[in-house]
N, C-alpha and C. Protein backbone atom coordinates (compact mmCIF):
# COMPACT_ATOMS: atom_id res chain seq x y z
N MET A 1 0.83 -1.20 0.00
CA MET A 1 0.00 0.00 0.00
C MET A 1 0.87 1.25 0.00
N LYS A 2 1.98 1.20 0.75
CA LYS A 2 2.87 2.37 0.77
C LYS A 2 3.40 2.65 -0.63
N LYS A 3 3.76 1.55 -1.37
CA LYS A 3 4.28 1.75 -2.73
C LYS A 3 3.22 2.36 -3.63
N VAL A 4 1.97 1.91 -3.49
CA VAL A 4 0.89 2.45 -4.33
C VAL A 4 0.69 3.93 -4.02
N GLY A 5 0.68 4.28 -2.74
CA GLY A 5 0.51 5.67 -2.35
C GLY A 5 1.64 6.54 -2.87
N TRP A 6 2.86 5.98 -2.81
CA TRP A 6 4.03 6.73 -3.29
C TRP A 6 3.93 6.99 -4.78
N LEU A 7 3.48 5.97 -5.56
CA LEU A 7 3.34 6.13 -7.01
C LEU A 7 2.26 7.16 -7.36
N VAL A 8 1.13 7.11 -6.65
CA VAL A 8 0.06 8.09 -6.90
C VAL A 8 0.54 9.49 -6.62
N GLY A 9 1.27 9.67 -5.55
CA GLY A 9 1.79 10.99 -5.21
C GLY A 9 2.74 11.50 -6.27
N LEU A 10 3.64 10.59 -6.77
CA LEU A 10 4.60 10.98 -7.79
C LEU A 10 3.88 11.41 -9.08
N ILE A 11 2.83 10.66 -9.46
CA ILE A 11 2.07 10.99 -10.67
C ILE A 11 1.42 12.37 -10.53
N LEU A 12 0.85 12.66 -9.34
CA LEU A 12 0.20 13.97 -9.14
C LEU A 12 1.20 15.11 -9.20
N VAL A 13 2.40 14.89 -8.64
CA VAL A 13 3.44 15.92 -8.67
C VAL A 13 3.85 16.20 -10.11
N CYS A 14 4.05 15.14 -10.91
CA CYS A 14 4.46 15.30 -12.31
C CYS A 14 3.38 16.02 -13.12
N PHE A 15 2.11 15.68 -12.89
CA PHE A 15 1.01 16.30 -13.61
C PHE A 15 0.92 17.79 -13.29
N SER A 16 1.07 18.15 -12.00
CA SER A 16 1.02 19.55 -11.58
C SER A 16 2.16 20.34 -12.21
N PHE A 17 3.35 19.75 -12.26
CA PHE A 17 4.51 20.42 -12.86
C PHE A 17 4.30 20.67 -14.34
N SER A 18 3.70 19.67 -15.03
CA SER A 18 3.45 19.80 -16.47
C SER A 18 2.44 20.89 -16.75
N CYS A 19 1.38 20.98 -15.96
CA CYS A 19 0.34 21.99 -16.16
C CYS A 19 0.86 23.39 -15.91
N SER A 20 1.75 23.52 -14.88
CA SER A 20 2.26 24.86 -14.54
C SER A 20 3.17 25.40 -15.60
N HIS A 21 3.75 24.52 -16.46
CA HIS A 21 4.67 24.97 -17.50
C HIS A 21 4.05 24.95 -18.90
N THR A 22 2.74 24.67 -18.95
CA THR A 22 2.06 24.69 -20.24
C THR A 22 1.74 26.13 -20.61
N LYS A 23 2.13 26.57 -21.82
CA LYS A 23 1.91 27.95 -22.26
C LYS A 23 0.43 28.17 -22.51
N LYS A 24 -0.08 29.23 -21.92
CA LYS A 24 -1.48 29.57 -22.12
C LYS A 24 -1.64 30.16 -23.52
N GLU A 25 -2.68 29.69 -24.22
CA GLU A 25 -2.92 30.18 -25.57
C GLU A 25 -3.60 31.54 -25.52
N GLU A 26 -3.07 32.47 -26.30
CA GLU A 26 -3.66 33.78 -26.40
C GLU A 26 -4.67 33.78 -27.53
N PRO A 27 -5.76 34.53 -27.36
CA PRO A 27 -6.71 34.62 -28.47
C PRO A 27 -6.04 35.25 -29.67
N SER A 28 -6.27 34.70 -30.83
CA SER A 28 -5.60 35.20 -32.02
C SER A 28 -6.60 35.41 -33.14
N THR A 29 -6.15 36.19 -34.08
CA THR A 29 -6.94 36.44 -35.27
C THR A 29 -6.31 35.73 -36.44
N LYS A 30 -7.07 34.91 -37.12
CA LYS A 30 -6.54 34.20 -38.27
C LYS A 30 -6.32 35.18 -39.42
N VAL A 31 -5.24 35.00 -40.14
CA VAL A 31 -4.95 35.83 -41.30
C VAL A 31 -4.82 34.93 -42.50
N ILE A 32 -5.56 35.24 -43.54
CA ILE A 32 -5.49 34.45 -44.76
C ILE A 32 -4.99 35.34 -45.87
N SER A 33 -4.51 34.75 -46.92
CA SER A 33 -4.02 35.52 -48.05
C SER A 33 -4.97 35.39 -49.22
N THR A 34 -5.27 36.53 -49.84
CA THR A 34 -6.12 36.51 -51.02
C THR A 34 -5.26 36.28 -52.24
N LYS A 35 -5.88 36.27 -53.41
CA LYS A 35 -5.15 35.99 -54.63
C LYS A 35 -4.06 37.02 -54.92
N ASP A 36 -4.27 38.27 -54.44
CA ASP A 36 -3.24 39.29 -54.66
C ASP A 36 -2.27 39.36 -53.49
N SER A 37 -2.32 38.34 -52.62
CA SER A 37 -1.40 38.20 -51.48
C SER A 37 -1.59 39.26 -50.42
N SER A 38 -2.69 40.00 -50.45
CA SER A 38 -2.96 40.97 -49.41
C SER A 38 -3.53 40.26 -48.20
N PRO A 39 -2.99 40.51 -46.99
CA PRO A 39 -3.51 39.84 -45.80
C PRO A 39 -4.92 40.31 -45.49
N VAL A 40 -5.80 39.36 -45.16
CA VAL A 40 -7.18 39.67 -44.84
C VAL A 40 -7.50 39.06 -43.49
N SER A 41 -7.97 39.84 -42.56
CA SER A 41 -8.30 39.36 -41.23
C SER A 41 -9.68 38.73 -41.23
N THR A 42 -9.81 37.62 -40.50
CA THR A 42 -11.12 36.97 -40.40
C THR A 42 -11.81 37.35 -39.10
N GLN A 43 -11.22 38.30 -38.34
CA GLN A 43 -11.81 38.73 -37.08
C GLN A 43 -13.11 39.48 -37.36
N GLU A 44 -14.09 39.28 -36.48
CA GLU A 44 -15.36 39.95 -36.67
C GLU A 44 -15.18 41.46 -36.57
N PRO A 45 -15.74 42.23 -37.53
CA PRO A 45 -15.59 43.68 -37.49
C PRO A 45 -16.33 44.29 -36.30
N VAL A 46 -15.79 45.38 -35.80
CA VAL A 46 -16.42 46.10 -34.70
C VAL A 46 -17.42 47.09 -35.28
N THR A 47 -18.61 47.12 -34.73
CA THR A 47 -19.62 48.06 -35.21
C THR A 47 -19.17 49.48 -34.97
N ASN A 48 -19.29 50.31 -36.00
CA ASN A 48 -18.88 51.71 -35.88
C ASN A 48 -19.88 52.45 -35.01
N PRO A 49 -19.46 52.96 -33.83
CA PRO A 49 -20.41 53.61 -32.93
C PRO A 49 -20.72 55.05 -33.33
N TYR A 50 -20.01 55.59 -34.32
CA TYR A 50 -20.16 57.00 -34.67
C TYR A 50 -21.09 57.21 -35.86
N ALA A 51 -20.91 56.42 -36.89
CA ALA A 51 -21.77 56.55 -38.08
C ALA A 51 -21.75 55.24 -38.85
N ALA A 52 -22.91 54.80 -39.27
CA ALA A 52 -23.00 53.55 -40.03
C ALA A 52 -22.31 53.72 -41.38
N VAL A 53 -21.68 52.65 -41.85
CA VAL A 53 -21.02 52.68 -43.15
C VAL A 53 -22.08 52.49 -44.24
N ASP A 54 -22.15 53.46 -45.15
CA ASP A 54 -23.19 53.44 -46.17
C ASP A 54 -22.83 52.48 -47.28
N VAL A 55 -23.82 51.76 -47.79
CA VAL A 55 -23.57 50.82 -48.89
C VAL A 55 -23.45 51.54 -50.23
N SER A 56 -23.84 52.83 -50.27
CA SER A 56 -23.69 53.63 -51.48
C SER A 56 -22.70 54.75 -51.20
N PRO A 57 -21.41 54.52 -51.45
CA PRO A 57 -20.39 55.50 -51.08
C PRO A 57 -20.54 56.80 -51.84
N MET A 58 -20.20 57.91 -51.16
CA MET A 58 -20.26 59.21 -51.80
C MET A 58 -19.00 59.44 -52.62
N ASP A 59 -19.14 60.08 -53.76
CA ASP A 59 -18.00 60.34 -54.63
C ASP A 59 -18.12 61.76 -55.18
N MET A 60 -17.03 62.25 -55.78
CA MET A 60 -16.97 63.60 -56.29
C MET A 60 -16.15 63.62 -57.57
N SER A 61 -16.69 64.24 -58.62
CA SER A 61 -15.96 64.34 -59.89
C SER A 61 -15.83 65.81 -60.27
N TYR A 62 -14.61 66.20 -60.63
CA TYR A 62 -14.31 67.59 -61.00
C TYR A 62 -14.09 67.73 -62.49
N PHE A 63 -14.28 68.97 -62.97
CA PHE A 63 -13.75 69.36 -64.27
C PHE A 63 -13.01 70.67 -64.08
N PRO A 64 -11.73 70.77 -64.47
CA PRO A 64 -10.91 69.72 -65.07
C PRO A 64 -10.82 68.46 -64.19
N VAL A 65 -10.67 67.32 -64.85
CA VAL A 65 -10.60 66.04 -64.15
C VAL A 65 -9.44 66.05 -63.16
N ASP A 66 -9.71 65.55 -61.94
CA ASP A 66 -8.70 65.48 -60.88
C ASP A 66 -8.17 66.87 -60.53
N TYR A 67 -9.03 67.87 -60.56
CA TYR A 67 -8.59 69.24 -60.28
C TYR A 67 -7.82 69.37 -58.95
N PRO A 68 -8.30 68.80 -57.82
CA PRO A 68 -7.56 68.97 -56.57
C PRO A 68 -6.12 68.46 -56.65
N LYS A 69 -5.90 67.35 -57.38
CA LYS A 69 -4.54 66.84 -57.54
C LYS A 69 -3.70 67.79 -58.38
N LEU A 70 -4.30 68.36 -59.42
CA LEU A 70 -3.57 69.32 -60.25
C LEU A 70 -3.20 70.56 -59.42
N LYS A 71 -4.14 71.00 -58.58
CA LYS A 71 -3.88 72.16 -57.74
C LYS A 71 -2.73 71.91 -56.77
N MET A 72 -2.75 70.75 -56.11
CA MET A 72 -1.73 70.45 -55.10
C MET A 72 -0.37 70.19 -55.73
N SER A 73 -0.34 69.75 -56.98
CA SER A 73 0.94 69.51 -57.66
C SER A 73 1.42 70.75 -58.41
N HIS A 74 0.66 71.85 -58.28
CA HIS A 74 1.02 73.13 -58.88
C HIS A 74 1.14 73.04 -60.40
N THR A 75 0.31 72.18 -61.00
CA THR A 75 0.32 72.06 -62.46
C THR A 75 -0.82 72.86 -63.09
N THR A 76 -1.62 73.55 -62.26
CA THR A 76 -2.65 74.45 -62.77
C THR A 76 -2.82 75.60 -61.79
N THR A 77 -3.14 76.75 -62.32
CA THR A 77 -3.38 77.93 -61.49
C THR A 77 -4.79 78.47 -61.70
N ILE A 78 -5.54 77.87 -62.63
CA ILE A 78 -6.90 78.33 -62.90
C ILE A 78 -7.88 77.65 -61.95
N PRO A 79 -8.99 78.29 -61.62
CA PRO A 79 -9.97 77.66 -60.74
C PRO A 79 -10.72 76.56 -61.46
N PRO A 80 -11.39 75.67 -60.73
CA PRO A 80 -12.18 74.62 -61.39
C PRO A 80 -13.39 75.22 -62.08
N LEU A 81 -13.95 74.49 -63.02
CA LEU A 81 -15.13 74.94 -63.75
C LEU A 81 -16.41 74.31 -63.22
N ALA A 82 -16.33 73.03 -62.82
CA ALA A 82 -17.53 72.32 -62.36
C ALA A 82 -17.15 71.11 -61.53
N ARG A 83 -18.08 70.68 -60.71
CA ARG A 83 -17.93 69.40 -60.02
C ARG A 83 -19.31 68.83 -59.73
N VAL A 84 -19.36 67.54 -59.56
CA VAL A 84 -20.61 66.87 -59.20
C VAL A 84 -20.33 65.99 -57.98
N VAL A 85 -21.24 66.02 -57.00
CA VAL A 85 -21.13 65.23 -55.77
C VAL A 85 -22.35 64.31 -55.71
N TYR A 86 -22.09 63.02 -55.58
CA TYR A 86 -23.20 62.07 -55.63
C TYR A 86 -22.85 60.80 -54.86
N SER A 87 -23.86 60.04 -54.48
CA SER A 87 -23.66 58.73 -53.87
C SER A 87 -23.87 57.66 -54.93
N ARG A 88 -23.09 56.57 -54.82
CA ARG A 88 -23.02 55.58 -55.89
C ARG A 88 -23.73 54.27 -55.53
N PRO A 89 -25.00 54.13 -55.87
CA PRO A 89 -25.68 52.84 -55.64
C PRO A 89 -25.10 51.76 -56.54
N HIS A 90 -25.30 50.51 -56.15
CA HIS A 90 -24.85 49.41 -57.01
C HIS A 90 -25.95 48.38 -57.20
N LEU A 91 -25.77 47.54 -58.21
CA LEU A 91 -26.86 46.67 -58.67
C LEU A 91 -27.18 45.55 -57.69
N GLN A 92 -26.16 44.95 -57.08
CA GLN A 92 -26.37 43.86 -56.12
C GLN A 92 -27.25 42.74 -56.71
N GLY A 93 -26.92 42.37 -57.96
CA GLY A 93 -27.64 41.27 -58.60
C GLY A 93 -28.92 41.67 -59.31
N ARG A 94 -29.29 42.94 -59.23
CA ARG A 94 -30.52 43.40 -59.88
C ARG A 94 -30.22 43.90 -61.30
N LYS A 95 -31.26 44.05 -62.09
CA LYS A 95 -31.15 44.72 -63.38
C LYS A 95 -31.58 46.17 -63.19
N LEU A 96 -30.97 47.06 -63.98
CA LEU A 96 -31.28 48.48 -63.83
C LEU A 96 -32.75 48.76 -64.12
N PHE A 97 -33.26 48.26 -65.25
CA PHE A 97 -34.67 48.37 -65.60
C PHE A 97 -35.25 46.96 -65.69
N HIS A 98 -36.28 46.67 -64.91
CA HIS A 98 -37.01 47.49 -63.98
C HIS A 98 -36.74 47.02 -62.55
N GLY A 99 -35.52 46.56 -62.32
CA GLY A 99 -35.16 46.11 -60.98
C GLY A 99 -34.87 47.25 -60.04
N VAL A 100 -34.28 48.35 -60.56
CA VAL A 100 -33.93 49.51 -59.73
C VAL A 100 -34.74 50.73 -60.17
N LEU A 101 -34.72 51.03 -61.45
CA LEU A 101 -35.43 52.20 -61.99
C LEU A 101 -36.62 51.76 -62.83
N LYS A 102 -37.53 52.71 -63.02
CA LYS A 102 -38.69 52.48 -63.89
C LYS A 102 -38.80 53.64 -64.87
N TYR A 103 -39.15 53.32 -66.10
CA TYR A 103 -39.32 54.35 -67.11
C TYR A 103 -40.41 55.34 -66.69
N GLY A 104 -40.12 56.61 -66.90
CA GLY A 104 -41.10 57.65 -66.61
C GLY A 104 -41.13 58.13 -65.18
N GLU A 105 -40.36 57.49 -64.27
CA GLU A 105 -40.33 57.91 -62.88
C GLU A 105 -39.04 58.67 -62.58
N PRO A 106 -39.14 59.86 -61.94
CA PRO A 106 -37.94 60.65 -61.64
C PRO A 106 -36.96 59.88 -60.76
N TRP A 107 -35.68 60.11 -61.01
CA TRP A 107 -34.60 59.46 -60.24
C TRP A 107 -33.54 60.50 -59.91
N ARG A 108 -32.99 60.44 -58.72
CA ARG A 108 -32.07 61.46 -58.22
C ARG A 108 -30.64 61.34 -58.77
N LEU A 109 -30.42 60.45 -59.71
CA LEU A 109 -29.08 60.26 -60.28
C LEU A 109 -28.06 59.91 -59.21
N GLY A 110 -28.44 58.98 -58.35
CA GLY A 110 -27.55 58.56 -57.28
C GLY A 110 -28.36 57.95 -56.16
N ALA A 111 -27.87 58.13 -54.93
CA ALA A 111 -28.55 57.62 -53.75
C ALA A 111 -28.43 58.64 -52.63
N ASN A 112 -29.25 58.44 -51.59
CA ASN A 112 -29.17 59.29 -50.39
C ASN A 112 -29.48 60.75 -50.70
N GLU A 113 -28.53 61.68 -50.39
CA GLU A 113 -28.75 63.09 -50.69
C GLU A 113 -28.94 63.30 -52.19
N ALA A 114 -29.63 64.40 -52.53
CA ALA A 114 -29.77 64.75 -53.93
C ALA A 114 -28.38 64.97 -54.54
N THR A 115 -28.19 64.54 -55.77
CA THR A 115 -26.92 64.74 -56.47
C THR A 115 -26.72 66.23 -56.72
N GLU A 116 -25.53 66.73 -56.37
CA GLU A 116 -25.26 68.17 -56.46
C GLU A 116 -24.32 68.50 -57.61
N LEU A 117 -24.70 69.50 -58.38
CA LEU A 117 -23.84 70.07 -59.42
C LEU A 117 -23.42 71.45 -58.96
N GLN A 118 -22.12 71.70 -58.97
CA GLN A 118 -21.61 73.04 -58.66
C GLN A 118 -20.90 73.59 -59.89
N LEU A 119 -21.38 74.73 -60.37
CA LEU A 119 -20.73 75.42 -61.47
C LEU A 119 -19.95 76.59 -60.90
N TYR A 120 -18.65 76.57 -61.07
CA TYR A 120 -17.81 77.66 -60.62
C TYR A 120 -17.82 78.82 -61.63
N LYS A 121 -18.29 78.51 -62.83
CA LYS A 121 -18.38 79.49 -63.92
C LYS A 121 -19.66 79.18 -64.70
N SER A 122 -20.30 80.22 -65.21
CA SER A 122 -21.51 79.99 -66.01
C SER A 122 -21.22 79.06 -67.17
N ALA A 123 -22.19 78.23 -67.52
CA ALA A 123 -22.02 77.26 -68.60
C ALA A 123 -23.23 77.33 -69.52
N VAL A 124 -23.05 76.87 -70.74
CA VAL A 124 -24.14 76.78 -71.70
C VAL A 124 -24.40 75.30 -71.97
N ILE A 125 -25.66 74.90 -71.82
CA ILE A 125 -26.07 73.52 -72.07
C ILE A 125 -27.21 73.55 -73.07
N GLN A 126 -27.00 72.97 -74.23
CA GLN A 126 -28.02 72.95 -75.29
C GLN A 126 -28.62 74.35 -75.51
N ASN A 127 -27.72 75.33 -75.66
CA ASN A 127 -28.07 76.72 -75.95
C ASN A 127 -28.77 77.45 -74.80
N LYS A 128 -28.76 76.86 -73.61
CA LYS A 128 -29.32 77.53 -72.43
C LYS A 128 -28.18 77.89 -71.48
N LYS A 129 -28.13 79.16 -71.07
CA LYS A 129 -27.08 79.60 -70.15
C LYS A 129 -27.49 79.29 -68.72
N ILE A 130 -26.62 78.59 -68.01
CA ILE A 130 -26.85 78.25 -66.61
C ILE A 130 -25.83 79.05 -65.78
N PRO A 131 -26.29 79.98 -64.93
CA PRO A 131 -25.36 80.79 -64.14
C PRO A 131 -24.54 79.94 -63.17
N ALA A 132 -23.39 80.45 -62.80
CA ALA A 132 -22.56 79.78 -61.78
C ALA A 132 -23.37 79.64 -60.49
N GLY A 133 -23.16 78.55 -59.77
CA GLY A 133 -23.89 78.33 -58.54
C GLY A 133 -24.03 76.86 -58.21
N ARG A 134 -24.77 76.57 -57.14
CA ARG A 134 -25.02 75.20 -56.70
C ARG A 134 -26.43 74.79 -57.11
N TYR A 135 -26.53 73.57 -57.63
CA TYR A 135 -27.81 73.03 -58.08
C TYR A 135 -27.87 71.55 -57.71
N ILE A 136 -29.06 70.96 -57.88
CA ILE A 136 -29.14 69.50 -57.83
C ILE A 136 -29.51 69.00 -59.22
N LEU A 137 -29.19 67.75 -59.46
CA LEU A 137 -29.53 67.09 -60.72
C LEU A 137 -30.46 65.92 -60.45
N TYR A 138 -31.42 65.73 -61.32
CA TYR A 138 -32.17 64.48 -61.33
C TYR A 138 -32.57 64.18 -62.76
N CYS A 139 -33.12 63.02 -63.01
CA CYS A 139 -33.49 62.67 -64.37
C CYS A 139 -34.84 61.97 -64.40
N ILE A 140 -35.42 61.94 -65.59
CA ILE A 140 -36.62 61.15 -65.85
C ILE A 140 -36.27 60.24 -67.02
N PRO A 141 -35.99 58.98 -66.76
CA PRO A 141 -35.55 58.09 -67.85
C PRO A 141 -36.71 57.47 -68.61
N ILE A 142 -36.55 57.41 -69.92
CA ILE A 142 -37.40 56.54 -70.73
C ILE A 142 -36.45 55.70 -71.58
N GLU A 143 -36.98 54.85 -72.42
CA GLU A 143 -36.14 53.83 -73.04
C GLU A 143 -35.01 54.39 -73.88
N ASN A 144 -35.28 55.40 -74.70
CA ASN A 144 -34.26 55.88 -75.64
C ASN A 144 -33.69 57.25 -75.29
N THR A 145 -34.35 58.00 -74.43
CA THR A 145 -33.85 59.31 -74.02
C THR A 145 -34.10 59.52 -72.54
N TRP A 146 -33.23 60.33 -71.93
CA TRP A 146 -33.43 60.73 -70.54
C TRP A 146 -33.62 62.23 -70.51
N THR A 147 -34.50 62.69 -69.62
CA THR A 147 -34.62 64.12 -69.34
C THR A 147 -33.76 64.43 -68.12
N ILE A 148 -32.73 65.23 -68.33
CA ILE A 148 -31.86 65.63 -67.22
C ILE A 148 -32.34 67.00 -66.74
N VAL A 149 -32.57 67.11 -65.43
CA VAL A 149 -33.14 68.32 -64.85
C VAL A 149 -32.15 68.99 -63.91
N ILE A 150 -31.98 70.30 -64.08
CA ILE A 150 -31.22 71.12 -63.12
C ILE A 150 -32.23 71.84 -62.25
N ASN A 151 -32.04 71.72 -60.93
CA ASN A 151 -33.04 72.18 -59.97
C ASN A 151 -32.34 72.95 -58.85
N SER A 152 -33.02 73.90 -58.25
CA SER A 152 -32.40 74.76 -57.23
C SER A 152 -32.64 74.28 -55.80
N ASN A 153 -33.31 73.14 -55.61
CA ASN A 153 -33.65 72.66 -54.26
C ASN A 153 -32.46 71.92 -53.64
N ILE A 154 -31.39 72.67 -53.34
CA ILE A 154 -30.15 72.06 -52.84
C ILE A 154 -30.33 71.55 -51.41
N ASP A 155 -29.38 70.71 -50.99
CA ASP A 155 -29.35 70.15 -49.63
C ASP A 155 -30.64 69.40 -49.32
N SER A 156 -31.11 68.61 -50.27
CA SER A 156 -32.31 67.81 -50.08
C SER A 156 -31.96 66.32 -50.14
N TRP A 157 -32.94 65.50 -49.82
CA TRP A 157 -32.71 64.06 -49.67
C TRP A 157 -33.87 63.29 -50.29
N GLY A 158 -33.56 62.13 -50.83
CA GLY A 158 -34.62 61.20 -51.20
C GLY A 158 -35.03 61.25 -52.65
N LEU A 159 -36.09 60.51 -52.93
CA LEU A 159 -36.53 60.30 -54.31
C LEU A 159 -37.55 61.33 -54.78
N THR A 160 -38.06 62.16 -53.87
CA THR A 160 -39.09 63.12 -54.24
C THR A 160 -38.46 64.46 -54.59
N GLN A 161 -38.63 64.91 -55.84
CA GLN A 161 -38.08 66.18 -56.28
C GLN A 161 -39.18 67.24 -56.34
N ASP A 162 -38.81 68.49 -56.04
CA ASP A 162 -39.73 69.61 -56.11
C ASP A 162 -39.59 70.24 -57.49
N SER A 163 -40.47 69.86 -58.41
CA SER A 163 -40.35 70.32 -59.79
C SER A 163 -40.61 71.82 -59.94
N THR A 164 -41.22 72.46 -58.91
CA THR A 164 -41.46 73.91 -58.99
C THR A 164 -40.14 74.68 -58.93
N LYS A 165 -39.07 74.00 -58.53
CA LYS A 165 -37.76 74.66 -58.45
C LYS A 165 -36.83 74.25 -59.59
N ASP A 166 -37.40 73.65 -60.64
CA ASP A 166 -36.60 73.31 -61.82
C ASP A 166 -36.07 74.57 -62.49
N ILE A 167 -34.80 74.55 -62.87
CA ILE A 167 -34.16 75.65 -63.58
C ILE A 167 -34.19 75.41 -65.08
N ALA A 168 -33.89 74.18 -65.48
CA ALA A 168 -33.84 73.83 -66.91
C ALA A 168 -33.95 72.33 -67.06
N ARG A 169 -34.44 71.91 -68.23
CA ARG A 169 -34.55 70.49 -68.57
C ARG A 169 -33.90 70.25 -69.93
N PHE A 170 -33.25 69.10 -70.05
CA PHE A 170 -32.54 68.78 -71.28
C PHE A 170 -32.82 67.34 -71.68
N GLU A 171 -33.10 67.13 -72.95
CA GLU A 171 -33.30 65.78 -73.47
C GLU A 171 -31.96 65.27 -74.02
N VAL A 172 -31.53 64.10 -73.55
CA VAL A 172 -30.27 63.53 -74.02
C VAL A 172 -30.50 62.07 -74.43
N PRO A 173 -29.86 61.65 -75.51
CA PRO A 173 -30.03 60.25 -75.94
C PRO A 173 -29.26 59.30 -75.03
N VAL A 174 -29.73 58.08 -74.94
CA VAL A 174 -29.02 57.05 -74.19
C VAL A 174 -28.63 55.94 -75.15
N LYS A 175 -27.57 55.23 -74.81
CA LYS A 175 -27.16 54.08 -75.61
C LYS A 175 -26.82 52.92 -74.71
N THR A 176 -26.91 51.73 -75.24
CA THR A 176 -26.52 50.54 -74.51
C THR A 176 -25.08 50.20 -74.86
N THR A 177 -24.37 49.63 -73.91
CA THR A 177 -22.97 49.28 -74.10
C THR A 177 -22.77 47.79 -73.83
N SER A 178 -21.62 47.29 -74.21
CA SER A 178 -21.33 45.87 -73.96
C SER A 178 -20.89 45.63 -72.53
N ALA A 179 -20.38 46.69 -71.88
CA ALA A 179 -19.92 46.56 -70.49
C ALA A 179 -21.09 46.76 -69.54
N ARG A 180 -21.05 46.09 -68.40
CA ARG A 180 -22.06 46.26 -67.37
C ARG A 180 -21.38 46.76 -66.10
N LEU A 181 -21.73 48.00 -65.70
CA LEU A 181 -21.13 48.60 -64.53
C LEU A 181 -21.93 48.27 -63.28
N GLU A 182 -21.26 47.75 -62.26
CA GLU A 182 -21.92 47.43 -61.00
C GLU A 182 -22.33 48.71 -60.26
N PHE A 183 -21.44 49.70 -60.23
CA PHE A 183 -21.71 50.96 -59.52
C PHE A 183 -22.08 52.07 -60.50
N PHE A 184 -23.07 52.86 -60.13
CA PHE A 184 -23.42 54.05 -60.90
C PHE A 184 -22.21 54.99 -60.91
N THR A 185 -21.96 55.60 -62.08
CA THR A 185 -20.75 56.41 -62.26
C THR A 185 -21.08 57.71 -62.97
N MET A 186 -20.50 58.82 -62.44
CA MET A 186 -20.61 60.13 -63.08
C MET A 186 -19.22 60.73 -63.16
N ILE A 187 -18.78 61.11 -64.35
CA ILE A 187 -17.49 61.76 -64.53
C ILE A 187 -17.59 62.80 -65.64
N PHE A 188 -16.70 63.78 -65.59
CA PHE A 188 -16.59 64.75 -66.68
C PHE A 188 -15.54 64.27 -67.67
N GLU A 189 -15.86 64.40 -68.94
CA GLU A 189 -14.91 64.08 -70.00
C GLU A 189 -14.72 65.32 -70.88
N LYS A 190 -13.48 65.70 -71.09
CA LYS A 190 -13.17 66.92 -71.83
C LYS A 190 -13.60 66.80 -73.29
N THR A 191 -14.13 67.91 -73.82
CA THR A 191 -14.49 68.00 -75.23
C THR A 191 -13.84 69.26 -75.81
N GLU A 192 -14.04 69.51 -77.11
CA GLU A 192 -13.44 70.68 -77.75
C GLU A 192 -14.01 71.99 -77.21
N THR A 193 -15.26 71.95 -76.76
CA THR A 193 -15.91 73.18 -76.28
C THR A 193 -16.09 73.24 -74.77
N GLY A 194 -15.75 72.19 -74.07
CA GLY A 194 -15.92 72.16 -72.63
C GLY A 194 -15.81 70.74 -72.10
N ALA A 195 -16.94 70.18 -71.68
CA ALA A 195 -16.92 68.82 -71.13
C ALA A 195 -18.29 68.19 -71.22
N ASP A 196 -18.31 66.88 -71.31
CA ASP A 196 -19.55 66.09 -71.19
C ASP A 196 -19.60 65.51 -69.78
N LEU A 197 -20.76 65.59 -69.16
CA LEU A 197 -20.96 64.86 -67.91
C LEU A 197 -21.48 63.48 -68.28
N LEU A 198 -20.63 62.48 -68.14
CA LEU A 198 -20.98 61.10 -68.47
C LEU A 198 -21.69 60.47 -67.29
N MET A 199 -22.84 59.84 -67.57
CA MET A 199 -23.60 59.10 -66.56
C MET A 199 -23.78 57.68 -67.06
N ALA A 200 -23.32 56.70 -66.29
CA ALA A 200 -23.36 55.31 -66.75
C ALA A 200 -23.69 54.38 -65.60
N TRP A 201 -24.49 53.36 -65.92
CA TRP A 201 -24.83 52.32 -64.95
C TRP A 201 -25.37 51.12 -65.71
N ASP A 202 -25.04 49.94 -65.20
CA ASP A 202 -25.40 48.70 -65.89
C ASP A 202 -24.86 48.81 -67.31
N ASN A 203 -25.71 48.65 -68.32
CA ASN A 203 -25.23 48.78 -69.70
C ASN A 203 -25.80 50.02 -70.39
N ILE A 204 -26.14 51.04 -69.57
CA ILE A 204 -26.72 52.28 -70.08
C ILE A 204 -25.72 53.42 -69.91
N GLU A 205 -25.66 54.29 -70.92
CA GLU A 205 -24.73 55.42 -70.88
C GLU A 205 -25.38 56.64 -71.53
N THR A 206 -25.24 57.80 -70.92
CA THR A 206 -25.73 59.04 -71.50
C THR A 206 -24.80 60.17 -71.12
N ARG A 207 -24.88 61.30 -71.86
CA ARG A 207 -23.96 62.43 -71.65
C ARG A 207 -24.72 63.74 -71.70
N LEU A 208 -24.35 64.65 -70.81
CA LEU A 208 -24.90 66.00 -70.81
C LEU A 208 -23.76 66.95 -71.17
N PRO A 209 -23.84 67.66 -72.30
CA PRO A 209 -22.72 68.50 -72.75
C PRO A 209 -22.72 69.88 -72.10
N PHE A 210 -21.54 70.31 -71.64
CA PHE A 210 -21.35 71.64 -71.06
C PHE A 210 -20.38 72.41 -71.94
N THR A 211 -20.71 73.67 -72.21
CA THR A 211 -19.78 74.57 -72.90
C THR A 211 -19.39 75.68 -71.93
N PHE A 212 -18.09 75.89 -71.76
CA PHE A 212 -17.60 76.93 -70.85
C PHE A 212 -16.92 78.05 -71.63
């Protein structure tokens, strides 16, 4: 019995010693590599307590294109002519017509806040002079043409436009393309007389010409 008790005691001592020297595992975050070898964390994201992350990111397009970069690199000394500020909805598996938009129904040309056009200098659009200032843009799409509307109801939100504050309306043709854009896109493209405001989404593309 003494031998059995001695063996049990020795086993308990050895087990206690082994446990005291076992390294405690620290919680870790797994890191995996994507196809471009960029590390991606699999840790659960922390909810932003300050502002929710919008699924339709806000973007800004200038004319001249990339004006702020030109200004900071001292490659231009002239002021900008125009810019557009808008939020960029995406298809998320839907079709543009009639999954997102419907023919004949006004659309804010973006998401969230009304899309804003700022003219730093007066411009001529289809023989109509538009004074320098801040405006909003919206459209009324039909199958072959869109009506692009310049409106004075700035700092507004949502799908309902106040047509009593329309400044001007322009009919522009639309065309279908072979490419399908996931995100709605608005950019200025330089022309001989000024710039076209290109609006494209899914396989639809249209342009509003500006002369400065």
